[in-house]
């Protein structure tokens, strides 16, 4: 998911997306810890998406405009 797709979402949708991504990351970590097959490249992708969401939430909270 790229930043422009995330910026198009409302604040409520961003909060929901953050929760979903956090849950996904937790499930992936549990799967890895229980020796199940996990695609390692997914970890970095999910972490980056979480960081993008949090960055956009912070920008909105501070009133910064990104164009």
Foldseek 3Di string as FASTA:
>chain_A
DDLVVLLVDDPVVLVVVLVVLVVVLVVQVVCVVVPHDDDPVVNVVSVVVNVSSVVSNVCVVVVHDDD
